[in-house]
Amino acid sequence: MAKKCLHAYLEGIVQGVGMRNYVKKQADDLGIVGFVRNLPDGRVELAGEGTEEKLKDLYSRIENSRTGRVDKIDAEWLEAEGKYDSFEIRF
């Protein structure tokens, strides 16, 4: 099955509430590789590669998270480039 990439920006109360750790745990549980990081403008950036089904599951878990408050997800669905070996929190 072809791999896809979810590149997304999370907006709302998403910094200082454990969102990066939550996203990493969900990605690890689903076998998704990529990264998550805080941005200076208060958003959280996520890039994940995996099957479309697992990425949609990750998107849903983030959208329905009780960690902080996600008001908006600006998502872009791309072809995977295969540039990640694991899922990491970047600083």
Protein backbone atom coordinates (compact mmCIF):
# COMPACT_ATOMS: atom_id res chain seq x y z
CA MET A 1 0.00 0.00 0.00
CA ALA A 2 1.34 3.44 -0.94
CA LYS A 3 2.50 5.70 1.83
CA LYS A 4 1.13 9.20 2.23
CA CYS A 5 2.23 12.29 4.14
CA LEU A 6 0.08 14.43 6.40
CA HIS A 7 1.55 17.90 6.89
CA ALA A 8 -0.56 19.92 9.30
CA TYR A 9 -0.62 22.99 11.50
CA LEU A 10 -2.64 22.81 14.71
CA GLU A 11 -4.18 25.99 16.08
CA GLY A 12 -5.87 26.69 19.41
CA ILE A 13 -4.54 25.96 22.88
CA VAL A 14 -1.85 23.61 21.61
CA GLN A 15 1.37 24.71 23.34
CA GLY A 16 2.23 24.17 26.98
CA VAL A 17 -0.45 21.49 27.36
CA GLY A 18 1.38 18.29 26.30
CA MET A 19 0.19 18.29 22.68
CA ARG A 20 3.57 17.29 21.22
CA ASN A 21 3.81 14.33 23.61
CA TYR A 22 0.21 13.35 22.82
CA VAL A 23 0.83 13.48 19.05
CA LYS A 24 4.06 11.46 19.42
CA LYS A 25 2.32 8.76 21.45
CA GLN A 26 -0.51 8.47 18.93
CA ALA A 27 1.93 8.39 15.99
CA ASP A 28 4.05 5.74 17.70
CA ASP A 29 0.92 3.65 18.43
CA LEU A 30 -0.04 3.83 14.75
CA GLY A 31 3.44 3.23 13.34
CA ILE A 32 3.65 6.68 11.75
CA VAL A 33 7.05 8.32 11.22
CA GLY A 34 7.80 12.05 11.09
CA PHE A 35 7.93 14.90 13.59
CA VAL A 36 5.96 17.36 15.67
CA ARG A 37 7.18 20.74 16.94
CA ASN A 38 6.03 24.02 18.45
CA LEU A 39 6.21 27.11 16.25
CA PRO A 40 6.99 30.64 17.46
CA ASP A 41 3.51 31.84 16.41
CA GLY A 42 1.75 29.49 18.87
CA ARG A 43 0.85 26.74 16.42
CA VAL A 44 2.10 23.17 16.40
CA GLU A 45 3.47 21.69 13.16
CA LEU A 46 3.11 18.01 12.35
CA ALA A 47 4.54 15.99 9.48
CA GLY A 48 3.75 12.29 9.43
CA GLU A 49 4.21 9.51 6.90
CA GLY A 50 2.28 6.26 6.87
CA THR A 51 -0.68 4.61 5.20
CA GLU A 52 -3.61 6.87 4.39
CA GLU A 53 -5.81 4.90 6.81
CA LYS A 54 -3.40 5.36 9.73
CA LEU A 55 -2.86 9.05 8.94
CA LYS A 56 -6.63 9.62 8.91
CA ASP A 57 -6.80 7.85 12.27
CA LEU A 58 -4.06 10.15 13.63
CA TYR A 59 -5.90 13.20 12.28
CA SER A 60 -9.10 12.07 14.00
CA ARG A 61 -7.31 11.41 17.31
CA ILE A 62 -5.79 14.90 17.22
CA GLU A 63 -9.07 16.52 16.22
CA ASN A 64 -10.84 14.85 19.14
CA SER A 65 -8.00 15.20 21.64
CA ARG A 66 -8.71 16.31 25.19
CA THR A 67 -5.12 17.59 25.38
CA GLY A 68 -5.39 21.35 25.13
CA ARG A 69 -7.94 22.54 22.60
CA VAL A 70 -7.52 22.14 18.85
CA ASP A 71 -9.63 24.82 17.16
CA LYS A 72 -8.34 24.33 13.64
CA ILE A 73 -6.21 21.88 11.68
CA ASP A 74 -4.77 23.23 8.45
CA ALA A 75 -3.85 19.96 6.72
CA GLU A 76 -2.18 19.11 3.45
CA TRP A 77 -2.16 15.54 2.11
CA LEU A 78 0.93 14.70 0.07
CA GLU A 79 2.84 11.75 -1.34
CA ALA A 80 5.35 10.34 1.16
CA GLU A 81 9.01 11.04 0.48
CA GLY A 82 10.37 8.37 2.83
CA LYS A 83 12.63 10.78 4.69
CA TYR A 84 11.77 9.77 8.28
CA ASP A 85 12.90 6.70 10.23
CA SER A 86 10.93 7.33 13.44
CA PHE A 87 8.60 9.89 14.98
CA GLU A 88 10.30 12.62 16.99
CA ILE A 89 9.56 15.76 18.92
CA ARG A 90 11.65 18.57 17.47
CA PHE A 91 12.71 21.65 19.36
